[in-house]
Amino acid sequence: MAVASVNIVIEQGTDYLDVFTVTNPDGSPLDLTGYTGTAKMRKFPTSTTSTPFTVGIVSAAGQVTVSLANTVTSELTGGRYYYDVIVTSGEGTKSKVVDGMVMVNASESV
């Protein structure tokens, strides 16, 4: 699987949801039956603290959903972060499927 680089924007104090489709080399969706996922964002790649996303898998469609509740995004400081999404097969093989930068836009209403 090739790693897709996708930069995302999160508005502080709002709910966030994004869907990524994992594909085979021929462009067809990868069947993610039996897979689990994890995703985190960090202020710096070497930071020891992170904010985990809630991750869901839509198996046959090859989709990975990542989300953050507004209670989580309201605690984020505006600025740039880094994130990645890792899927693990039923056999334990781990693959990074998406990574990129996160821009958290501060909100005056939070």
PDB file of N, CA and C in Angstrom:
ATOM      1  N   MET A   1       0.834  -1.177   0.000  1.00  0.00           N
ATOM      2  CA  MET A   1       0.000   0.000   0.000  1.00  0.00           C
ATOM      3  C   MET A   1       0.881   1.244   0.000  1.00  0.00           C
ATOM      4  N   ALA A   2       0.553   2.153  -0.851  1.00  0.00           N
ATOM      5  CA  ALA A   2       1.258   3.430  -0.863  1.00  0.00           C
ATOM      6  C   ALA A   2       0.656   4.337   0.210  1.00  0.00           C
ATOM      7  N   VAL A   3       1.488   5.152   0.819  1.00  0.00           N
ATOM      8  CA  VAL A   3       1.026   6.081   1.843  1.00  0.00           C
ATOM      9  C   VAL A   3       0.565   7.363   1.166  1.00  0.00           C
ATOM     10  N   ALA A   4      -0.696   7.722   1.382  1.00  0.00           N
ATOM     11  CA  ALA A   4      -1.224   8.967   0.839  1.00  0.00           C
ATOM     12  C   ALA A   4      -0.896  10.101   1.799  1.00  0.00           C
ATOM     13  N   SER A   5      -0.396  11.206   1.270  1.00  0.00           N
ATOM     14  CA  SER A   5      -0.152  12.389   2.095  1.00  0.00           C
ATOM     15  C   SER A   5      -1.306  13.360   1.886  1.00  0.00           C
ATOM     16  N   VAL A   6      -2.039  13.612   2.972  1.00  0.00           N
ATOM     17  CA  VAL A   6      -3.213  14.471   2.910  1.00  0.00           C
ATOM     18  C   VAL A   6      -3.153  15.454   4.067  1.00  0.00           C
ATOM     19  N   ASN A   7      -3.126  16.727   3.765  1.00  0.00           N
ATOM     20  CA  ASN A   7      -3.158  17.751   4.800  1.00  0.00           C
ATOM     21  C   ASN A   7      -4.615  18.043   5.140  1.00  0.00           C
ATOM     22  N   ILE A   8      -4.901  18.217   6.442  1.00  0.00           N
ATOM     23  CA  ILE A   8      -6.276  18.436   6.877  1.00  0.00           C
ATOM     24  C   ILE A   8      -6.360  19.696   7.730  1.00  0.00           C
ATOM     25  N   VAL A   9      -7.589  20.223   7.861  1.00  0.00           N
ATOM     26  CA  VAL A   9      -7.854  21.403   8.674  1.00  0.00           C
ATOM     27  C   VAL A   9      -8.919  21.035   9.702  1.00  0.00           C
ATOM     28  N   ILE A  10      -8.655  21.373  10.960  1.00  0.00           N
ATOM     29  CA  ILE A  10      -9.615  21.153  12.034  1.00  0.00           C
ATOM     30  C   ILE A  10      -9.942  22.511  12.644  1.00  0.00           C
ATOM     31  N   GLU A  11     -11.224  22.790  12.755  1.00  0.00           N
ATOM     32  CA  GLU A  11     -11.668  24.034  13.388  1.00  0.00           C
ATOM     33  C   GLU A  11     -11.815  23.772  14.883  1.00  0.00           C
ATOM     34  N   GLN A  12     -11.106  24.541  15.692  1.00  0.00           N
ATOM     35  CA  GLN A  12     -11.122  24.367  17.142  1.00  0.00           C
ATOM     36  C   GLN A  12     -12.560  24.475  17.660  1.00  0.00           C
ATOM     37  N   GLY A  13     -12.947  23.550  18.556  1.00  0.00           N
ATOM     38  CA  GLY A  13     -14.262  23.598  19.178  1.00  0.00           C
ATOM     39  C   GLY A  13     -15.397  23.020  18.355  1.00  0.00           C
ATOM     40  N   THR A  14     -15.071  22.384  17.213  1.00  0.00           N
ATOM     41  CA  THR A  14     -16.108  21.781  16.377  1.00  0.00           C
ATOM     42  C   THR A  14     -15.828  20.289  16.220  1.00  0.00           C
ATOM     43  N   ASP A  15     -16.864  19.549  15.817  1.00  0.00           N
ATOM     44  CA  ASP A  15     -16.682  18.130  15.518  1.00  0.00           C
ATOM     45  C   ASP A  15     -15.924  17.993  14.206  1.00  0.00           C
ATOM     46  N   TYR A  16     -15.050  17.005  14.135  1.00  0.00           N
ATOM     47  CA  TYR A  16     -14.257  16.756  12.932  1.00  0.00           C
ATOM     48  C   TYR A  16     -14.470  15.312  12.491  1.00  0.00           C
ATOM     49  N   LEU A  17     -14.650  15.116  11.179  1.00  0.00           N
ATOM     50  CA  LEU A  17     -14.782  13.783  10.596  1.00  0.00           C
ATOM     51  C   LEU A  17     -14.189  13.814   9.200  1.00  0.00           C
ATOM     52  N   ASP A  18     -13.415  12.793   8.876  1.00  0.00           N
ATOM     53  CA  ASP A  18     -12.877  12.647   7.523  1.00  0.00           C
ATOM     54  C   ASP A  18     -12.877  11.170   7.176  1.00  0.00           C
ATOM     55  N   VAL A  19     -12.976  10.882   5.883  1.00  0.00           N
ATOM     56  CA  VAL A  19     -12.991   9.511   5.389  1.00  0.00           C
ATOM     57  C   VAL A  19     -11.887   9.368   4.349  1.00  0.00           C
ATOM     58  N   PHE A  20     -11.040   8.349   4.522  1.00  0.00           N
ATOM     59  CA  PHE A  20      -9.972   8.053   3.576  1.00  0.00           C
ATOM     60  C   PHE A  20     -10.241   6.682   2.967  1.00  0.00           C
ATOM     61  N   THR A  21     -10.068   6.562   1.661  1.00  0.00           N
ATOM     62  CA  THR A  21     -10.242   5.280   0.989  1.00  0.00           C
ATOM     63  C   THR A  21      -8.872   4.690   0.693  1.00  0.00           C
ATOM     64  N   VAL A  22      -8.651   3.458   1.155  1.00  0.00           N
ATOM     65  CA  VAL A  22      -7.399   2.737   0.931  1.00  0.00           C
ATOM     66  C   VAL A  22      -7.600   1.885  -0.322  1.00  0.00           C
ATOM     67  N   THR A  23      -6.671   2.003  -1.262  1.00  0.00           N
ATOM     68  CA  THR A  23      -6.845   1.303  -2.535  1.00  0.00           C
ATOM     69  C   THR A  23      -5.718   0.314  -2.816  1.00  0.00           C
ATOM     70  N   ASN A  24      -6.048  -0.647  -3.669  1.00  0.00           N
ATOM     71  CA  ASN A  24      -5.061  -1.582  -4.212  1.00  0.00           C
ATOM     72  C   ASN A  24      -4.272  -0.864  -5.299  1.00  0.00           C
ATOM     73  N   PRO A  25      -3.171  -1.450  -5.768  1.00  0.00           N
ATOM     74  CA  PRO A  25      -2.392  -0.815  -6.837  1.00  0.00           C
ATOM     75  C   PRO A  25      -3.208  -0.526  -8.104  1.00  0.00           C
ATOM     76  N   ASP A  26      -4.264  -1.316  -8.357  1.00  0.00           N
ATOM     77  CA  ASP A  26      -5.083  -1.085  -9.557  1.00  0.00           C
ATOM     78  C   ASP A  26      -6.150  -0.011  -9.347  1.00  0.00           C
ATOM     79  N   GLY A  27      -6.194   0.578  -8.141  1.00  0.00           N
ATOM     80  CA  GLY A  27      -7.145   1.645  -7.860  1.00  0.00           C
ATOM     81  C   GLY A  27      -8.439   1.184  -7.217  1.00  0.00           C
ATOM     82  N   SER A  28      -8.656  -0.110  -7.132  1.00  0.00           N
ATOM     83  CA  SER A  28      -9.872  -0.629  -6.501  1.00  0.00           C
ATOM     84  C   SER A  28      -9.733  -0.535  -4.975  1.00  0.00           C
ATOM     85  N   PRO A  29     -10.856  -0.416  -4.256  1.00  0.00           N
ATOM     86  CA  PRO A  29     -10.779  -0.336  -2.793  1.00  0.00           C
ATOM     87  C   PRO A  29     -10.199  -1.614  -2.196  1.00  0.00           C
ATOM     88  N   LEU A  30      -9.325  -1.458  -1.220  1.00  0.00           N
ATOM     89  CA  LEU A  30      -8.747  -2.595  -0.505  1.00  0.00           C
ATOM     90  C   LEU A  30      -9.776  -3.115   0.496  1.00  0.00           C
ATOM     91  N   ASP A  31     -10.032  -4.416   0.478  1.00  0.00           N
ATOM     92  CA  ASP A  31     -10.964  -5.013   1.438  1.00  0.00           C
ATOM     93  C   ASP A  31     -10.300  -5.013   2.815  1.00  0.00           C
ATOM     94  N   LEU A  32     -10.852  -4.261   3.742  1.00  0.00           N
ATOM     95  CA  LEU A  32     -10.274  -4.108   5.073  1.00  0.00           C
ATOM     96  C   LEU A  32     -10.963  -4.988   6.108  1.00  0.00           C
ATOM     97  N   THR A  33     -11.593  -6.063   5.664  1.00  0.00           N
ATOM     98  CA  THR A  33     -12.228  -6.997   6.595  1.00  0.00           C
ATOM     99  C   THR A  33     -11.177  -7.547   7.559  1.00  0.00           C
ATOM    100  N   GLY A  34     -11.474  -7.472   8.851  1.00  0.00           N
ATOM    101  CA  GLY A  34     -10.553  -7.964   9.872  1.00  0.00           C
ATOM    102  C   GLY A  34      -9.501  -6.959  10.297  1.00  0.00           C
ATOM    103  N   TYR A  35      -9.481  -5.781   9.693  1.00  0.00           N
ATOM    104  CA  TYR A  35      -8.491  -4.759  10.040  1.00  0.00           C
ATOM    105  C   TYR A  35      -9.001  -3.886  11.192  1.00  0.00           C
ATOM    106  N   THR A  36      -8.066  -3.334  11.940  1.00  0.00           N
ATOM    107  CA  THR A  36      -8.350  -2.298  12.923  1.00  0.00           C
ATOM    108  C   THR A  36      -7.498  -1.091  12.564  1.00  0.00           C
ATOM    109  N   GLY A  37      -7.820   0.042  13.137  1.00  0.00           N
ATOM    110  CA  GLY A  37      -7.065   1.241  12.806  1.00  0.00           C
ATOM    111  C   GLY A  37      -6.739   2.077  14.022  1.00  0.00           C
ATOM    112  N   THR A  38      -5.704   2.864  13.896  1.00  0.00           N
ATOM    113  CA  THR A  38      -5.321   3.828  14.924  1.00  0.00           C
ATOM    114  C   THR A  38      -4.809   5.072  14.221  1.00  0.00           C
ATOM    115  N   ALA A  39      -5.038   6.218  14.831  1.00  0.00           N
ATOM    116  CA  ALA A  39      -4.562   7.481  14.268  1.00  0.00           C
ATOM    117  C   ALA A  39      -4.303   8.455  15.413  1.00  0.00           C
ATOM    118  N   LYS A  40      -3.225   9.201  15.289  1.00  0.00           N
ATOM    119  CA  LYS A  40      -2.859  10.183  16.310  1.00  0.00           C
ATOM    120  C   LYS A  40      -2.317  11.431  15.646  1.00  0.00           C
ATOM    121  N   MET A  41      -2.428  12.539  16.367  1.00  0.00           N
ATOM    122  CA  MET A  41      -1.782  13.771  15.927  1.00  0.00           C
ATOM    123  C   MET A  41      -0.880  14.255  17.049  1.00  0.00           C
ATOM    124  N   ARG A  42       0.246  14.854  16.638  1.00  0.00           N
ATOM    125  CA  ARG A  42       1.241  15.371  17.581  1.00  0.00           C
ATOM    126  C   ARG A  42       1.695  16.744  17.113  1.00  0.00           C
ATOM    127  N   LYS A  43       2.074  17.579  18.066  1.00  0.00           N
ATOM    128  CA  LYS A  43       2.576  18.915  17.727  1.00  0.00           C
ATOM    129  C   LYS A  43       3.870  18.815  16.920  1.00  0.00           C
ATOM    130  N   PHE A  44       4.731  17.884  17.289  1.00  0.00           N
ATOM    131  CA  PHE A  44       5.976  17.615  16.568  1.00  0.00           C
ATOM    132  C   PHE A  44       6.070  16.102  16.388  1.00  0.00           C
ATOM    133  N   PRO A  45       6.683  15.616  15.317  1.00  0.00           N
ATOM    134  CA  PRO A  45       6.775  14.161  15.129  1.00  0.00           C
ATOM    135  C   PRO A  45       7.413  13.428  16.300  1.00  0.00           C
ATOM    136  N   THR A  46       8.300  14.098  17.037  1.00  0.00           N
ATOM    137  CA  THR A  46       8.993  13.444  18.158  1.00  0.00           C
ATOM    138  C   THR A  46       8.337  13.719  19.512  1.00  0.00           C
ATOM    139  N   SER A  47       7.191  14.398  19.528  1.00  0.00           N
ATOM    140  CA  SER A  47       6.504  14.695  20.789  1.00  0.00           C
ATOM    141  C   SER A  47       6.108  13.415  21.500  1.00  0.00           C
ATOM    142  N   THR A  48       6.195  13.442  22.829  1.00  0.00           N
ATOM    143  CA  THR A  48       5.787  12.274  23.610  1.00  0.00           C
ATOM    144  C   THR A  48       4.293  12.293  23.916  1.00  0.00           C
ATOM    145  N   THR A  49       3.639  13.419  23.727  1.00  0.00           N
ATOM    146  CA  THR A  49       2.195  13.496  23.927  1.00  0.00           C
ATOM    147  C   THR A  49       1.493  13.542  22.578  1.00  0.00           C
ATOM    148  N   SER A  50       0.290  12.984  22.550  1.00  0.00           N
ATOM    149  CA  SER A  50      -0.462  12.938  21.298  1.00  0.00           C
ATOM    150  C   SER A  50      -1.949  13.040  21.584  1.00  0.00           C
ATOM    151  N   THR A  51      -2.706  13.338  20.553  1.00  0.00           N
ATOM    152  CA  THR A  51      -4.163  13.336  20.617  1.00  0.00           C
ATOM    153  C   THR A  51      -4.654  12.233  19.695  1.00  0.00           C
ATOM    154  N   PRO A  52      -5.330  11.213  20.255  1.00  0.00           N
ATOM    155  CA  PRO A  52      -5.807  10.128  19.396  1.00  0.00           C
ATOM    156  C   PRO A  52      -7.127  10.483  18.713  1.00  0.00           C
ATOM    157  N   PHE A  53      -7.262  10.069  17.467  1.00  0.00           N
ATOM    158  CA  PHE A  53      -8.518  10.166  16.744  1.00  0.00           C
ATOM    159  C   PHE A  53      -9.347   8.924  17.067  1.00  0.00           C
ATOM    160  N   THR A  54     -10.661   9.021  16.943  1.00  0.00           N
ATOM    161  CA  THR A  54     -11.514   7.840  16.922  1.00  0.00           C
ATOM    162  C   THR A  54     -11.458   7.308  15.503  1.00  0.00           C
ATOM    163  N   VAL A  55     -11.213   6.006  15.336  1.00  0.00           N
ATOM    164  CA  VAL A  55     -11.023   5.416  14.008  1.00  0.00           C
ATOM    165  C   VAL A  55     -12.088   4.348  13.774  1.00  0.00           C
ATOM    166  N   GLY A  56     -12.665   4.364  12.582  1.00  0.00           N
ATOM    167  CA  GLY A  56     -13.618   3.338  12.168  1.00  0.00           C
ATOM    168  C   GLY A  56     -13.185   2.748  10.841  1.00  0.00           C
ATOM    169  N   ILE A  57     -13.611   1.523  10.581  1.00  0.00           N
ATOM    170  CA  ILE A  57     -13.271   0.835   9.332  1.00  0.00           C
ATOM    171  C   ILE A  57     -14.572   0.441   8.633  1.00  0.00           C
ATOM    172  N   VAL A  58     -14.705   0.803   7.353  1.00  0.00           N
ATOM    173  CA  VAL A  58     -15.803   0.326   6.507  1.00  0.00           C
ATOM    174  C   VAL A  58     -15.155  -0.686   5.573  1.00  0.00           C
ATOM    175  N   SER A  59     -15.218  -1.958   5.960  1.00  0.00           N
ATOM    176  CA  SER A  59     -14.397  -3.026   5.391  1.00  0.00           C
ATOM    177  C   SER A  59     -14.419  -3.136   3.874  1.00  0.00           C
ATOM    178  N   ALA A  60     -15.565  -3.471   3.294  1.00  0.00           N
ATOM    179  CA  ALA A  60     -15.629  -3.760   1.864  1.00  0.00           C
ATOM    180  C   ALA A  60     -15.338  -2.532   1.010  1.00  0.00           C
ATOM    181  N   ALA A  61     -15.626  -1.349   1.531  1.00  0.00           N
ATOM    182  CA  ALA A  61     -15.402  -0.115   0.776  1.00  0.00           C
ATOM    183  C   ALA A  61     -13.965   0.371   0.888  1.00  0.00           C
ATOM    184  N   GLY A  62     -13.169  -0.269   1.756  1.00  0.00           N
ATOM    185  CA  GLY A  62     -11.784   0.152   1.926  1.00  0.00           C
ATOM    186  C   GLY A  62     -11.650   1.509   2.594  1.00  0.00           C
ATOM    187  N   GLN A  63     -12.645   1.890   3.391  1.00  0.00           N
ATOM    188  CA  GLN A  63     -12.639   3.222   3.988  1.00  0.00           C
ATOM    189  C   GLN A  63     -12.234   3.198   5.452  1.00  0.00           C
ATOM    190  N   VAL A  64     -11.465   4.215   5.815  1.00  0.00           N
ATOM    191  CA  VAL A  64     -11.063   4.441   7.197  1.00  0.00           C
ATOM    192  C   VAL A  64     -11.600   5.811   7.584  1.00  0.00           C
ATOM    193  N   THR A  65     -12.395   5.868   8.646  1.00  0.00           N
ATOM    194  CA  THR A  65     -12.902   7.147   9.121  1.00  0.00           C
ATOM    195  C   THR A  65     -12.096   7.572  10.339  1.00  0.00           C
ATOM    196  N   VAL A  66     -11.815   8.862  10.431  1.00  0.00           N
ATOM    197  CA  VAL A  66     -11.157   9.424  11.603  1.00  0.00           C
ATOM    198  C   VAL A  66     -12.002  10.594  12.081  1.00  0.00           C
ATOM    199  N   SER A  67     -12.140  10.701  13.402  1.00  0.00           N
ATOM    200  CA  SER A  67     -12.974  11.777  13.928  1.00  0.00           C
ATOM    201  C   SER A  67     -12.461  12.248  15.283  1.00  0.00           C
ATOM    202  N   LEU A  68     -12.860  13.461  15.616  1.00  0.00           N
ATOM    203  CA  LEU A  68     -12.591  14.059  16.929  1.00  0.00           C
ATOM    204  C   LEU A  68     -13.865  14.774  17.358  1.00  0.00           C
ATOM    205  N   ALA A  69     -14.270  14.593  18.598  1.00  0.00           N
ATOM    206  CA  ALA A  69     -15.434  15.300  19.130  1.00  0.00           C
ATOM    207  C   ALA A  69     -15.057  16.746  19.429  1.00  0.00           C
ATOM    208  N   ASN A  70     -16.057  17.614  19.467  1.00  0.00           N
ATOM    209  CA  ASN A  70     -15.791  19.033  19.742  1.00  0.00           C
ATOM    210  C   ASN A  70     -15.167  19.234  21.113  1.00  0.00           C
ATOM    211  N   THR A  71     -15.436  18.317  22.055  1.00  0.00           N
ATOM    212  CA  THR A  71     -14.813  18.425  23.377  1.00  0.00           C
ATOM    213  C   THR A  71     -13.307  18.216  23.298  1.00  0.00           C
ATOM    214  N   VAL A  72     -12.860  17.434  22.312  1.00  0.00           N
ATOM    215  CA  VAL A  72     -11.424  17.203  22.106  1.00  0.00           C
ATOM    216  C   VAL A  72     -10.804  18.372  21.349  1.00  0.00           C
ATOM    217  N   THR A  73     -11.451  18.805  20.268  1.00  0.00           N
ATOM    218  CA  THR A  73     -10.858  19.886  19.458  1.00  0.00           C
ATOM    219  C   THR A  73     -10.836  21.208  20.215  1.00  0.00           C
ATOM    220  N   SER A  74     -11.739  21.382  21.174  1.00  0.00           N
ATOM    221  CA  SER A  74     -11.717  22.635  21.945  1.00  0.00           C
ATOM    222  C   SER A  74     -10.492  22.722  22.843  1.00  0.00           C
ATOM    223  N   GLU A  75      -9.872  21.580  23.151  1.00  0.00           N
ATOM    224  CA  GLU A  75      -8.674  21.553  23.989  1.00  0.00           C
ATOM    225  C   GLU A  75      -7.379  21.730  23.180  1.00  0.00           C
ATOM    226  N   LEU A  76      -7.477  21.688  21.856  1.00  0.00           N
ATOM    227  CA  LEU A  76      -6.292  21.848  21.009  1.00  0.00           C
ATOM    228  C   LEU A  76      -5.888  23.308  20.922  1.00  0.00           C
ATOM    229  N   THR A  77      -4.614  23.551  20.834  1.00  0.00           N
ATOM    230  CA  THR A  77      -4.093  24.890  20.609  1.00  0.00           C
ATOM    231  C   THR A  77      -4.001  25.101  19.111  1.00  0.00           C
ATOM    232  N   GLY A  78      -4.362  26.282  18.652  1.00  0.00           N
ATOM    233  CA  GLY A  78      -4.257  26.575  17.221  1.00  0.00           C
ATOM    234  C   GLY A  78      -2.830  26.406  16.730  1.00  0.00           C
ATOM    235  N   GLY A  79      -2.683  25.980  15.484  1.00  0.00           N
ATOM    236  CA  GLY A  79      -1.355  25.819  14.904  1.00  0.00           C
ATOM    237  C   GLY A  79      -1.225  24.534  14.121  1.00  0.00           C
ATOM    238  N   ARG A  80       0.018  24.196  13.798  1.00  0.00           N
ATOM    239  CA  ARG A  80       0.331  23.047  12.956  1.00  0.00           C
ATOM    240  C   ARG A  80       0.658  21.816  13.798  1.00  0.00           C
ATOM    241  N   TYR A  81       0.173  20.671  13.327  1.00  0.00           N
ATOM    242  CA  TYR A  81       0.440  19.371  13.945  1.00  0.00           C
ATOM    243  C   TYR A  81       0.770  18.385  12.827  1.00  0.00           C
ATOM    244  N   TYR A  82       1.169  17.195  13.220  1.00  0.00           N
ATOM    245  CA  TYR A  82       1.426  16.097  12.282  1.00  0.00           C
ATOM    246  C   TYR A  82       0.529  14.930  12.683  1.00  0.00           C
ATOM    247  N   TYR A  83       0.092  14.144  11.696  1.00  0.00           N
ATOM    248  CA  TYR A  83      -0.748  12.989  12.007  1.00  0.00           C
ATOM    249  C   TYR A  83      -0.429  11.840  11.065  1.00  0.00           C
ATOM    250  N   ASP A  84      -0.863  10.650  11.475  1.00  0.00           N
ATOM    251  CA  ASP A  84      -0.832   9.506  10.569  1.00  0.00           C
ATOM    252  C   ASP A  84      -1.933   8.535  10.956  1.00  0.00           C
ATOM    253  N   VAL A  85      -2.267   7.655  10.002  1.00  0.00           N
ATOM    254  CA  VAL A  85      -3.289   6.632  10.185  1.00  0.00           C
ATOM    255  C   VAL A  85      -2.639   5.290   9.873  1.00  0.00           C
ATOM    256  N   ILE A  86      -2.733   4.358  10.825  1.00  0.00           N
ATOM    257  CA  ILE A  86      -2.144   3.025  10.673  1.00  0.00           C
ATOM    258  C   ILE A  86      -3.270   2.003  10.739  1.00  0.00           C
ATOM    259  N   VAL A  87      -3.255   1.041   9.814  1.00  0.00           N
ATOM    260  CA  VAL A  87      -4.203  -0.074   9.884  1.00  0.00           C
ATOM    261  C   VAL A  87      -3.420  -1.342  10.195  1.00  0.00           C
ATOM    262  N   THR A  88      -4.075  -2.232  10.935  1.00  0.00           N
ATOM    263  CA  THR A  88      -3.467  -3.506  11.322  1.00  0.00           C
ATOM    264  C   THR A  88      -4.368  -4.630  10.835  1.00  0.00           C
ATOM    265  N   SER A  89      -3.786  -5.559  10.066  1.00  0.00           N
ATOM    266  CA  SER A  89      -4.551  -6.696   9.553  1.00  0.00           C
ATOM    267  C   SER A  89      -4.842  -7.670  10.686  1.00  0.00           C
ATOM    268  N   GLY A  90      -5.743  -8.620  10.430  1.00  0.00           N
ATOM    269  CA  GLY A  90      -6.054  -9.647  11.410  1.00  0.00           C
ATOM    270  C   GLY A  90      -4.846 -10.477  11.791  1.00  0.00           C
ATOM    271  N   GLU A  91      -3.842 -10.531  10.898  1.00  0.00           N
ATOM    272  CA  GLU A  91      -2.607 -11.285  11.173  1.00  0.00           C
ATOM    273  C   GLU A  91      -1.575 -10.454  11.918  1.00  0.00           C
ATOM    274  N   GLY A  92      -1.866  -9.163  12.129  1.00  0.00           N
ATOM    275  CA  GLY A  92      -0.949  -8.316  12.881  1.00  0.00           C
ATOM    276  C   GLY A  92      -0.026  -7.457  12.042  1.00  0.00           C
ATOM    277  N   THR A  93      -0.166  -7.494  10.710  1.00  0.00           N
ATOM    278  CA  THR A  93       0.665  -6.651   9.847  1.00  0.00           C
ATOM    279  C   THR A  93       0.170  -5.207   9.911  1.00  0.00           C
ATOM    280  N   LYS A  94       1.084  -4.292  10.213  1.00  0.00           N
ATOM    281  CA  LYS A  94       0.737  -2.876  10.319  1.00  0.00           C
ATOM    282  C   LYS A  94       1.186  -2.134   9.063  1.00  0.00           C
ATOM    283  N   SER A  95       0.309  -1.250   8.572  1.00  0.00           N
ATOM    284  CA  SER A  95       0.616  -0.441   7.394  1.00  0.00           C
ATOM    285  C   SER A  95       0.143   0.989   7.619  1.00  0.00           C
ATOM    286  N   LYS A  96       1.023   1.943   7.341  1.00  0.00           N
ATOM    287  CA  LYS A  96       0.613   3.345   7.370  1.00  0.00           C
ATOM    288  C   LYS A  96      -0.097   3.622   6.049  1.00  0.00           C
ATOM    289  N   VAL A  97      -1.316   4.174   6.125  1.00  0.00           N
ATOM    290  CA  VAL A  97      -2.085   4.408   4.903  1.00  0.00           C
ATOM    291  C   VAL A  97      -2.261   5.888   4.580  1.00  0.00           C
ATOM    292  N   VAL A  98      -2.174   6.758   5.585  1.00  0.00           N
ATOM    293  CA  VAL A  98      -2.311   8.204   5.369  1.00  0.00           C
ATOM    294  C   VAL A  98      -1.421   8.919   6.368  1.00  0.00           C
ATOM    295  N   ASP A  99      -0.816  10.013   5.928  1.00  0.00           N
ATOM    296  CA  ASP A  99      -0.125  10.904   6.849  1.00  0.00           C
ATOM    297  C   ASP A  99      -0.175  12.305   6.287  1.00  0.00           C
ATOM    298  N   GLY A 100       0.206  13.258   7.101  1.00  0.00           N
ATOM    299  CA  GLY A 100       0.205  14.642   6.627  1.00  0.00           C
ATOM    300  C   GLY A 100       0.255  15.607   7.784  1.00  0.00           C
ATOM    301  N   MET A 101      -0.102  16.827   7.480  1.00  0.00           N
ATOM    302  CA  MET A 101      -0.095  17.888   8.474  1.00  0.00           C
ATOM    303  C   MET A 101      -1.531  18.279   8.788  1.00  0.00           C
ATOM    304  N   VAL A 102      -1.724  18.714  10.018  1.00  0.00           N
ATOM    305  CA  VAL A 102      -3.014  19.204  10.489  1.00  0.00           C
ATOM    306  C   VAL A 102      -2.856  20.682  10.797  1.00  0.00           C
ATOM    307  N   MET A 103      -3.757  21.486  10.301  1.00  0.00           N
ATOM    308  CA  MET A 103      -3.800  22.889  10.706  1.00  0.00           C
ATOM    309  C   MET A 103      -5.029  23.053  11.591  1.00  0.00           C
ATOM    310  N   VAL A 104      -4.809  23.394  12.861  1.00  0.00           N
ATOM    311  CA  VAL A 104      -5.911  23.672  13.777  1.00  0.00           C
ATOM    312  C   VAL A 104      -6.135  25.181  13.771  1.00  0.00           C
ATOM    313  N   ASN A 105      -7.318  25.571  13.320  1.00  0.00           N
ATOM    314  CA  ASN A 105      -7.681  26.984  13.298  1.00  0.00           C
ATOM    315  C   ASN A 105      -8.322  27.350  14.629  1.00  0.00           C
ATOM    316  N   ALA A 106      -7.743  28.327  15.327  1.00  0.00           N
ATOM    317  CA  ALA A 106      -8.280  28.763  16.616  1.00  0.00           C
ATOM    318  C   ALA A 106      -9.639  29.403  16.421  1.00  0.00           C
ATOM    319  N   SER A 107     -10.467  29.294  17.454  1.00  0.00           N
ATOM    320  CA  SER A 107     -11.799  29.878  17.406  1.00  0.00           C
ATOM    321  C   SER A 107     -11.981  30.830  18.579  1.00  0.00           C
ATOM    322  N   GLU A 108     -12.526  31.964  18.319  1.00  0.00           N
ATOM    323  CA  GLU A 108     -12.779  32.940  19.368  1.00  0.00           C
ATOM    324  C   GLU A 108     -13.989  32.555  20.204  1.00  0.00           C
ATOM    325  N   SER A 109     -14.835  31.676  19.705  1.00  0.00           N
ATOM    326  CA  SER A 109     -16.088  31.322  20.387  1.00  0.00           C
ATOM    327  C   SER A 109     -15.974  30.111  21.286  1.00  0.00           C
ATOM    328  N   VAL A 110     -14.756  29.531  21.424  1.00  0.00           N
ATOM    329  CA  VAL A 110     -14.605  28.337  22.243  1.00  0.00           C
ATOM    330  C   VAL A 110     -14.375  28.724  23.679  1.00  0.00           C
TER     331      VAL A 110
END
